[in-house]
């Protein structure tokens, strides 16, 4: 199983999302308890303060267990150094993708400053994951518009539209060839509809682990167990948990054996 949406702890920013402190070893213990073989790890601090230091911290965290975790960096497209920082994420830090949070980082998905950033991610063979599901700056169709401007770039809706926009997320994923949907925080009734109607190979799964008040990430373990109630067929389950994420991350994840 590949968890496509997790976070490092909040080391430096005291935010309303901040949970318990934990180390990489404790995080791998959580992964083992939930049956997660590999995880995409996103910054917490960088979503509120997108600095090079935040990317360094994610890279250092993942480096302790490189066979279990993959890092995604972040950057603010309104910073003049954004393109250079994204290049550094791939070349120096060895990251597999980029996470953008237009709602927290305060920019529109229609800004042209995103285009050179997307070009860097595309050239590196990386993946762009965007927070979605919280208007006004993070709707699925806004993100889909960016994906259509960069048709060779895999773009992931990080939350599958959450509670308010999941129908829009599903429709956008159906209509946009390079757009993928991560069921992460999406309500169960929506997850069932998404699995039934989304194109094959376009659905991923994420727990949003890292925000818990316990290092054991109990809510994330519960989200994994929740999958059993979604009515997924064995083929749908394997596609969501193994095949689709592996295809997007194959350049970095290699021939690792992952279980459904």
C-alpha atoms as a PDB file:
ATOM      1  CA  UNK A   1       0.000   0.000   0.000  1.00  0.00           C
ATOM      2  CA  UNK A   2       1.241   3.479  -0.911  1.00  0.00           C
ATOM      3  CA  UNK A   3      -0.033   6.424   1.119  1.00  0.00           C
ATOM      4  CA  UNK A   4       0.062   9.408  -1.241  1.00  0.00           C
ATOM      5  CA  UNK A   5      -0.589  12.142   1.348  1.00  0.00           C
ATOM      6  CA  UNK A   6       1.231  12.417   4.693  1.00  0.00           C
ATOM      7  CA  UNK A   7       3.074  15.195   6.548  1.00  0.00           C
ATOM      8  CA  UNK A   8       6.130  15.810   8.667  1.00  0.00           C
ATOM      9  CA  UNK A   9       5.489  17.222  12.152  1.00  0.00           C
ATOM     10  CA  UNK A  10       5.209  20.942  12.782  1.00  0.00           C
ATOM     11  CA  UNK A  11       8.760  21.587  13.922  1.00  0.00           C
ATOM     12  CA  UNK A  12       8.847  25.385  13.731  1.00  0.00           C
ATOM     13  CA  UNK A  13       5.343  26.712  13.104  1.00  0.00           C
ATOM     14  CA  UNK A  14       2.708  26.709  15.831  1.00  0.00           C
ATOM     15  CA  UNK A  15      -0.401  26.390  13.675  1.00  0.00           C
ATOM     16  CA  UNK A  16      -3.961  25.230  14.176  1.00  0.00           C
ATOM     17  CA  UNK A  17      -2.980  22.069  12.287  1.00  0.00           C
ATOM     18  CA  UNK A  18      -0.006  21.284  14.497  1.00  0.00           C
ATOM     19  CA  UNK A  19      -0.138  17.875  16.147  1.00  0.00           C
ATOM     20  CA  UNK A  20       2.211  15.821  18.269  1.00  0.00           C
ATOM     21  CA  UNK A  21       5.945  15.834  17.670  1.00  0.00           C
ATOM     22  CA  UNK A  22       7.363  12.615  16.241  1.00  0.00           C
ATOM     23  CA  UNK A  23      10.501  11.304  14.611  1.00  0.00           C
ATOM     24  CA  UNK A  24      10.995   9.361  11.418  1.00  0.00           C
ATOM     25  CA  UNK A  25      11.248   6.100  13.352  1.00  0.00           C
ATOM     26  CA  UNK A  26       7.918   6.701  15.055  1.00  0.00           C
ATOM     27  CA  UNK A  27       6.361   7.549  11.713  1.00  0.00           C
ATOM     28  CA  UNK A  28       7.546   4.271  10.213  1.00  0.00           C
ATOM     29  CA  UNK A  29       6.047   2.494  13.224  1.00  0.00           C
ATOM     30  CA  UNK A  30       2.718   4.114  12.360  1.00  0.00           C
ATOM     31  CA  UNK A  31       3.128   3.006   8.750  1.00  0.00           C
ATOM     32  CA  UNK A  32       3.767  -0.565   9.862  1.00  0.00           C
ATOM     33  CA  UNK A  33       0.703  -0.519  12.126  1.00  0.00           C
ATOM     34  CA  UNK A  34      -1.486   0.605   9.225  1.00  0.00           C
ATOM     35  CA  UNK A  35      -0.003  -1.723   6.610  1.00  0.00           C
ATOM     36  CA  UNK A  36       1.555   1.130   4.625  1.00  0.00           C
ATOM     37  CA  UNK A  37       4.615   0.099   2.637  1.00  0.00           C
ATOM     38  CA  UNK A  38       5.585   3.530   1.281  1.00  0.00           C
ATOM     39  CA  UNK A  39       4.438   7.102   1.837  1.00  0.00           C
ATOM     40  CA  UNK A  40       4.648  10.442   0.090  1.00  0.00           C
ATOM     41  CA  UNK A  41       5.716  12.928   2.774  1.00  0.00           C
ATOM     42  CA  UNK A  42       4.794  16.608   2.520  1.00  0.00           C
ATOM     43  CA  UNK A  43       5.961  19.508   4.622  1.00  0.00           C
ATOM     44  CA  UNK A  44       3.846  20.966   7.392  1.00  0.00           C
ATOM     45  CA  UNK A  45       5.891  24.078   8.120  1.00  0.00           C
ATOM     46  CA  UNK A  46       6.403  24.804   4.428  1.00  0.00           C
ATOM     47  CA  UNK A  47       2.696  25.164   3.798  1.00  0.00           C
ATOM     48  CA  UNK A  48       2.605  28.161   6.112  1.00  0.00           C
ATOM     49  CA  UNK A  49       6.118  29.447   5.459  1.00  0.00           C
ATOM     50  CA  UNK A  50       7.515  28.017   2.194  1.00  0.00           C
ATOM     51  CA  UNK A  51      11.249  28.385   2.769  1.00  0.00           C
ATOM     52  CA  UNK A  52      14.273  26.387   1.597  1.00  0.00           C
ATOM     53  CA  UNK A  53      14.799  25.351   5.220  1.00  0.00           C
ATOM     54  CA  UNK A  54      11.353  23.719   5.257  1.00  0.00           C
ATOM     55  CA  UNK A  55      12.302  21.663   2.209  1.00  0.00           C
ATOM     56  CA  UNK A  56      15.620  20.726   3.809  1.00  0.00           C
ATOM     57  CA  UNK A  57      13.731  19.470   6.853  1.00  0.00           C
ATOM     58  CA  UNK A  58      11.447  17.223   4.779  1.00  0.00           C
ATOM     59  CA  UNK A  59      14.400  15.842   2.848  1.00  0.00           C
ATOM     60  CA  UNK A  60      16.243  15.093   6.095  1.00  0.00           C
ATOM     61  CA  UNK A  61      13.211  13.373   7.593  1.00  0.00           C
ATOM     62  CA  UNK A  62      12.727  11.110   4.587  1.00  0.00           C
ATOM     63  CA  UNK A  63      16.454  10.363   4.301  1.00  0.00           C
ATOM     64  CA  UNK A  64      16.299   8.337   7.526  1.00  0.00           C
ATOM     65  CA  UNK A  65      14.118   5.726   5.779  1.00  0.00           C
ATOM     66  CA  UNK A  66      14.620   6.249   2.041  1.00  0.00           C
ATOM     67  CA  UNK A  67      13.170   2.839   1.213  1.00  0.00           C
ATOM     68  CA  UNK A  68       9.857   3.754   2.897  1.00  0.00           C
ATOM     69  CA  UNK A  69       9.299   7.471   2.249  1.00  0.00           C
ATOM     70  CA  UNK A  70       9.434   9.923  -0.657  1.00  0.00           C
ATOM     71  CA  UNK A  71       9.633  13.687  -0.184  1.00  0.00           C
ATOM     72  CA  UNK A  72       7.658  16.385  -1.980  1.00  0.00           C
ATOM     73  CA  UNK A  73       8.901  19.956  -1.650  1.00  0.00           C
ATOM     74  CA  UNK A  74       6.988  23.217  -1.746  1.00  0.00           C
ATOM     75  CA  UNK A  75       7.453  26.805  -2.865  1.00  0.00           C
ATOM     76  CA  UNK A  76       5.444  29.997  -3.183  1.00  0.00           C
ATOM     77  CA  UNK A  77       5.061  30.984  -6.867  1.00  0.00           C
ATOM     78  CA  UNK A  78       5.054  34.648  -5.870  1.00  0.00           C
ATOM     79  CA  UNK A  79       8.607  34.474  -4.590  1.00  0.00           C
ATOM     80  CA  UNK A  80      11.290  35.421  -7.117  1.00  0.00           C
ATOM     81  CA  UNK A  81      13.364  32.454  -6.016  1.00  0.00           C
ATOM     82  CA  UNK A  82      10.544  29.922  -6.515  1.00  0.00           C
ATOM     83  CA  UNK A  83      11.752  28.388  -9.772  1.00  0.00           C
ATOM     84  CA  UNK A  84      15.320  27.991  -8.499  1.00  0.00           C
ATOM     85  CA  UNK A  85      14.045  26.447  -5.268  1.00  0.00           C
ATOM     86  CA  UNK A  86      11.898  23.936  -7.133  1.00  0.00           C
ATOM     87  CA  UNK A  87      14.907  23.001  -9.262  1.00  0.00           C
ATOM     88  CA  UNK A  88      16.925  22.510  -6.058  1.00  0.00           C
ATOM     89  CA  UNK A  89      14.223  20.240  -4.659  1.00  0.00           C
ATOM     90  CA  UNK A  90      14.745  17.824  -7.538  1.00  0.00           C
ATOM     91  CA  UNK A  91      18.466  18.155  -8.254  1.00  0.00           C
ATOM     92  CA  UNK A  92      19.999  18.652  -4.798  1.00  0.00           C
ATOM     93  CA  UNK A  93      17.389  17.197  -2.461  1.00  0.00           C
ATOM     94  CA  UNK A  94      16.275  14.313  -4.676  1.00  0.00           C
ATOM     95  CA  UNK A  95      12.569  14.918  -4.210  1.00  0.00           C
ATOM     96  CA  UNK A  96       9.860  13.205  -6.233  1.00  0.00           C
ATOM     97  CA  UNK A  97       7.350  16.011  -6.511  1.00  0.00           C
ATOM     98  CA  UNK A  98       6.014  19.365  -5.425  1.00  0.00           C
ATOM     99  CA  UNK A  99       3.124  20.240  -3.099  1.00  0.00           C
ATOM    100  CA  UNK A 100       1.266  23.523  -3.528  1.00  0.00           C
ATOM    101  CA  UNK A 101      -1.339  24.862  -1.121  1.00  0.00           C
ATOM    102  CA  UNK A 102      -2.966  27.859  -2.836  1.00  0.00           C
ATOM    103  CA  UNK A 103      -5.379  28.410   0.037  1.00  0.00           C
ATOM    104  CA  UNK A 104      -2.731  28.687   2.775  1.00  0.00           C
ATOM    105  CA  UNK A 105       0.044  30.079   0.567  1.00  0.00           C
ATOM    106  CA  UNK A 106      -2.293  32.720  -0.874  1.00  0.00           C
ATOM    107  CA  UNK A 107      -2.165  32.551  -4.655  1.00  0.00           C
ATOM    108  CA  UNK A 108      -4.482  31.739  -7.551  1.00  0.00           C
ATOM    109  CA  UNK A 109      -4.022  28.622  -9.659  1.00  0.00           C
ATOM    110  CA  UNK A 110      -4.465  30.837 -12.723  1.00  0.00           C
ATOM    111  CA  UNK A 111      -1.329  32.903 -12.072  1.00  0.00           C
ATOM    112  CA  UNK A 112       1.209  32.599 -14.879  1.00  0.00           C
ATOM    113  CA  UNK A 113       4.035  32.456 -12.368  1.00  0.00           C
ATOM    114  CA  UNK A 114       3.049  28.810 -11.941  1.00  0.00           C
ATOM    115  CA  UNK A 115       3.967  27.940 -15.520  1.00  0.00           C
ATOM    116  CA  UNK A 116       7.789  27.947 -15.183  1.00  0.00           C
ATOM    117  CA  UNK A 117       7.432  26.002 -11.938  1.00  0.00           C
ATOM    118  CA  UNK A 118       5.323  23.377 -13.689  1.00  0.00           C
ATOM    119  CA  UNK A 119       7.888  23.206 -16.471  1.00  0.00           C
ATOM    120  CA  UNK A 120      10.614  22.363 -13.935  1.00  0.00           C
ATOM    121  CA  UNK A 121       8.499  19.618 -12.353  1.00  0.00           C
ATOM    122  CA  UNK A 122       7.665  18.211 -15.785  1.00  0.00           C
ATOM    123  CA  UNK A 123      11.302  18.195 -16.905  1.00  0.00           C
ATOM    124  CA  UNK A 124      12.288  16.377 -13.705  1.00  0.00           C
ATOM    125  CA  UNK A 125       9.640  13.707 -14.262  1.00  0.00           C
ATOM    126  CA  UNK A 126       7.985  14.758 -11.020  1.00  0.00           C
ATOM    127  CA  UNK A 127       4.430  14.977  -9.746  1.00  0.00           C
ATOM    128  CA  UNK A 128       2.512  18.094  -8.715  1.00  0.00           C
ATOM    129  CA  UNK A 129       0.122  17.620  -5.786  1.00  0.00           C
ATOM    130  CA  UNK A 130      -2.257  20.481  -4.949  1.00  0.00           C
ATOM    131  CA  UNK A 131      -4.465  21.010  -1.962  1.00  0.00           C
ATOM    132  CA  UNK A 132      -8.069  21.125  -3.123  1.00  0.00           C
ATOM    133  CA  UNK A 133     -11.597  21.293  -1.786  1.00  0.00           C
ATOM    134  CA  UNK A 134     -11.483  24.687  -0.044  1.00  0.00           C
ATOM    135  CA  UNK A 135     -12.726  27.652  -2.110  1.00  0.00           C
ATOM    136  CA  UNK A 136     -11.971  30.251  -3.258  1.00  0.00           C
ATOM    137  CA  UNK A 137      -8.398  29.385  -4.276  1.00  0.00           C
ATOM    138  CA  UNK A 138      -8.376  25.591  -4.171  1.00  0.00           C
ATOM    139  CA  UNK A 139     -11.238  24.248  -6.240  1.00  0.00           C
ATOM    140  CA  UNK A 140     -10.715  21.179  -8.436  1.00  0.00           C
ATOM    141  CA  UNK A 141     -11.595  22.966 -11.662  1.00  0.00           C
ATOM    142  CA  UNK A 142      -9.050  25.704 -10.954  1.00  0.00           C
ATOM    143  CA  UNK A 143      -6.389  23.034 -10.536  1.00  0.00           C
ATOM    144  CA  UNK A 144      -7.640  21.188 -13.610  1.00  0.00           C
ATOM    145  CA  UNK A 145      -7.146  24.361 -15.654  1.00  0.00           C
ATOM    146  CA  UNK A 146      -3.475  24.376 -14.663  1.00  0.00           C
ATOM    147  CA  UNK A 147      -3.180  20.679 -15.524  1.00  0.00           C
ATOM    148  CA  UNK A 148      -4.583  21.348 -18.981  1.00  0.00           C
ATOM    149  CA  UNK A 149      -1.948  24.026 -19.575  1.00  0.00           C
ATOM    150  CA  UNK A 150       0.713  21.397 -18.792  1.00  0.00           C
ATOM    151  CA  UNK A 151      -0.589  18.152 -20.295  1.00  0.00           C
ATOM    152  CA  UNK A 152       2.648  16.182 -19.702  1.00  0.00           C
ATOM    153  CA  UNK A 153       2.631  16.935 -15.955  1.00  0.00           C
ATOM    154  CA  UNK A 154       0.789  14.542 -13.597  1.00  0.00           C
ATOM    155  CA  UNK A 155      -1.323  16.725 -11.291  1.00  0.00           C
ATOM    156  CA  UNK A 156      -2.987  15.291  -8.189  1.00  0.00           C
ATOM    157  CA  UNK A 157      -6.009  16.704  -6.379  1.00  0.00           C
ATOM    158  CA  UNK A 158      -4.700  16.191  -2.853  1.00  0.00           C
ATOM    159  CA  UNK A 159      -8.059  15.770  -1.104  1.00  0.00           C
ATOM    160  CA  UNK A 160     -10.476  14.586  -3.768  1.00  0.00           C
ATOM    161  CA  UNK A 161     -12.593  17.696  -3.243  1.00  0.00           C
ATOM    162  CA  UNK A 162     -13.136  17.068   0.491  1.00  0.00           C
ATOM    163  CA  UNK A 163     -16.800  17.405   1.527  1.00  0.00           C
ATOM    164  CA  UNK A 164     -17.841  20.374  -0.596  1.00  0.00           C
ATOM    165  CA  UNK A 165     -16.167  19.801  -3.968  1.00  0.00           C
ATOM    166  CA  UNK A 166     -15.851  16.030  -4.452  1.00  0.00           C
ATOM    167  CA  UNK A 167     -18.369  15.971  -7.322  1.00  0.00           C
ATOM    168  CA  UNK A 168     -16.368  18.672  -9.070  1.00  0.00           C
ATOM    169  CA  UNK A 169     -13.158  16.752  -8.371  1.00  0.00           C
ATOM    170  CA  UNK A 170     -14.594  13.590  -9.900  1.00  0.00           C
ATOM    171  CA  UNK A 171     -15.857  15.410 -12.998  1.00  0.00           C
ATOM    172  CA  UNK A 172     -12.525  17.208 -13.459  1.00  0.00           C
ATOM    173  CA  UNK A 173     -10.612  13.930 -13.168  1.00  0.00           C
ATOM    174  CA  UNK A 174     -12.840  12.266 -15.750  1.00  0.00           C
ATOM    175  CA  UNK A 175     -12.372  15.137 -18.212  1.00  0.00           C
ATOM    176  CA  UNK A 176      -8.644  15.870 -17.706  1.00  0.00           C
ATOM    177  CA  UNK A 177      -6.243  13.116 -18.833  1.00  0.00           C
ATOM    178  CA  UNK A 178      -3.313  14.141 -16.604  1.00  0.00           C
ATOM    179  CA  UNK A 179      -5.392  14.874 -13.485  1.00  0.00           C
ATOM    180  CA  UNK A 180      -5.529  12.358 -10.618  1.00  0.00           C
ATOM    181  CA  UNK A 181      -7.642  12.264  -7.477  1.00  0.00           C
ATOM    182  CA  UNK A 182      -6.367  11.360  -4.013  1.00  0.00           C
ATOM    183  CA  UNK A 183      -9.069  10.171  -1.629  1.00  0.00           C
ATOM    184  CA  UNK A 184      -7.762  11.928   1.484  1.00  0.00           C
ATOM    185  CA  UNK A 185     -10.315  13.418   3.844  1.00  0.00           C
ATOM    186  CA  UNK A 186     -13.024  12.676   1.292  1.00  0.00           C
ATOM    187  CA  UNK A 187     -16.173  11.368   3.042  1.00  0.00           C
ATOM    188  CA  UNK A 188     -16.909   7.638   2.662  1.00  0.00           C
ATOM    189  CA  UNK A 189     -20.068   8.109   0.579  1.00  0.00           C
ATOM    190  CA  UNK A 190     -18.050  10.228  -1.862  1.00  0.00           C
ATOM    191  CA  UNK A 191     -15.188   7.717  -1.946  1.00  0.00           C
ATOM    192  CA  UNK A 192     -17.615   4.994  -2.977  1.00  0.00           C
ATOM    193  CA  UNK A 193     -18.942   7.117  -5.865  1.00  0.00           C
ATOM    194  CA  UNK A 194     -15.445   8.110  -6.931  1.00  0.00           C
ATOM    195  CA  UNK A 195     -14.234   4.507  -7.061  1.00  0.00           C
ATOM    196  CA  UNK A 196     -17.291   3.527  -9.092  1.00  0.00           C
ATOM    197  CA  UNK A 197     -17.061   6.333 -11.660  1.00  0.00           C
ATOM    198  CA  UNK A 198     -13.454   7.532 -11.949  1.00  0.00           C
ATOM    199  CA  UNK A 199     -11.374   6.302 -14.901  1.00  0.00           C
ATOM    200  CA  UNK A 200      -9.164   3.284 -14.153  1.00  0.00           C
ATOM    201  CA  UNK A 201      -5.802   4.207 -12.667  1.00  0.00           C
ATOM    202  CA  UNK A 202      -6.796   7.765 -11.736  1.00  0.00           C
ATOM    203  CA  UNK A 203      -7.607   7.281  -8.008  1.00  0.00           C
ATOM    204  CA  UNK A 204      -5.011   7.371  -5.212  1.00  0.00           C
ATOM    205  CA  UNK A 205      -5.312   7.063  -1.435  1.00  0.00           C
ATOM    206  CA  UNK A 206      -3.948   9.223   1.372  1.00  0.00           C
ATOM    207  CA  UNK A 207      -4.369   9.381   5.137  1.00  0.00           C
ATOM    208  CA  UNK A 208      -3.158  12.961   5.833  1.00  0.00           C
ATOM    209  CA  UNK A 209      -1.074  11.408   8.617  1.00  0.00           C
ATOM    210  CA  UNK A 210       1.218  13.675  10.605  1.00  0.00           C
ATOM    211  CA  UNK A 211      -1.401  16.040  12.025  1.00  0.00           C
ATOM    212  CA  UNK A 212      -2.502  13.841  14.931  1.00  0.00           C
ATOM    213  CA  UNK A 213      -2.144  14.662  18.611  1.00  0.00           C
ATOM    214  CA  UNK A 214      -0.473  11.239  19.003  1.00  0.00           C
ATOM    215  CA  UNK A 215       2.674   9.984  17.261  1.00  0.00           C
ATOM    216  CA  UNK A 216       0.744   6.769  16.560  1.00  0.00           C
ATOM    217  CA  UNK A 217      -1.471   8.726  14.118  1.00  0.00           C
ATOM    218  CA  UNK A 218      -4.587   6.870  15.245  1.00  0.00           C
ATOM    219  CA  UNK A 219      -6.945   8.742  12.927  1.00  0.00           C
ATOM    220  CA  UNK A 220      -4.803   7.781   9.929  1.00  0.00           C
ATOM    221  CA  UNK A 221      -4.856   4.113  10.956  1.00  0.00           C
ATOM    222  CA  UNK A 222      -8.646   4.384  11.139  1.00  0.00           C
ATOM    223  CA  UNK A 223      -8.766   5.853   7.626  1.00  0.00           C
ATOM    224  CA  UNK A 224      -6.960   2.826   6.260  1.00  0.00           C
ATOM    225  CA  UNK A 225      -9.489   0.548   7.945  1.00  0.00           C
ATOM    226  CA  UNK A 226     -12.295   2.657   6.481  1.00  0.00           C
ATOM    227  CA  UNK A 227     -11.408   1.450   2.975  1.00  0.00           C
ATOM    228  CA  UNK A 228     -13.081  -1.886   3.716  1.00  0.00           C
ATOM    229  CA  UNK A 229     -16.465  -0.123   3.819  1.00  0.00           C
ATOM    230  CA  UNK A 230     -16.129   1.560   0.436  1.00  0.00           C
ATOM    231  CA  UNK A 231     -17.267  -1.436  -1.565  1.00  0.00           C
ATOM    232  CA  UNK A 232     -14.157  -1.468  -3.740  1.00  0.00           C
ATOM    233  CA  UNK A 233     -13.589  -4.503  -5.931  1.00  0.00           C
ATOM    234  CA  UNK A 234     -10.223  -6.241  -5.575  1.00  0.00           C
ATOM    235  CA  UNK A 235      -9.098  -4.647  -8.848  1.00  0.00           C
ATOM    236  CA  UNK A 236     -10.195  -1.166  -7.739  1.00  0.00           C
ATOM    237  CA  UNK A 237      -8.488  -1.600  -4.394  1.00  0.00           C
ATOM    238  CA  UNK A 238      -5.202  -2.706  -5.937  1.00  0.00           C
ATOM    239  CA  UNK A 239      -5.311   0.092  -8.506  1.00  0.00           C
ATOM    240  CA  UNK A 240      -5.871   2.744  -5.814  1.00  0.00           C
ATOM    241  CA  UNK A 241      -3.390   1.449  -3.248  1.00  0.00           C
ATOM    242  CA  UNK A 242      -0.631   0.022  -5.451  1.00  0.00           C
ATOM    243  CA  UNK A 243      -0.754   0.318  -9.218  1.00  0.00           C
ATOM    244  CA  UNK A 244      -1.808   3.947  -9.755  1.00  0.00           C
ATOM    245  CA  UNK A 245       0.562   5.496  -7.192  1.00  0.00           C
ATOM    246  CA  UNK A 246       3.388   3.196  -8.250  1.00  0.00           C
ATOM    247  CA  UNK A 247       2.981   4.299 -11.867  1.00  0.00           C
ATOM    248  CA  UNK A 248       3.287   7.967 -10.881  1.00  0.00           C
ATOM    249  CA  UNK A 249       6.282   7.371  -8.599  1.00  0.00           C
ATOM    250  CA  UNK A 250       8.071   4.604 -10.501  1.00  0.00           C
ATOM    251  CA  UNK A 251      11.127   6.742 -11.219  1.00  0.00           C
ATOM    252  CA  UNK A 252      11.809   7.019  -7.470  1.00  0.00           C
ATOM    253  CA  UNK A 253      10.088   4.061  -5.890  1.00  0.00           C
ATOM    254  CA  UNK A 254      11.652   1.416  -8.126  1.00  0.00           C
ATOM    255  CA  UNK A 255      10.623  -2.232  -8.000  1.00  0.00           C
ATOM    256  CA  UNK A 256       9.599  -2.233  -4.343  1.00  0.00           C
ATOM    257  CA  UNK A 257       7.100  -4.870  -3.326  1.00  0.00           C
ATOM    258  CA  UNK A 258       3.921  -3.339  -1.947  1.00  0.00           C
ATOM    259  CA  UNK A 259       0.863  -5.128  -0.647  1.00  0.00           C
ATOM    260  CA  UNK A 260      -2.825  -4.358  -1.039  1.00  0.00           C
END
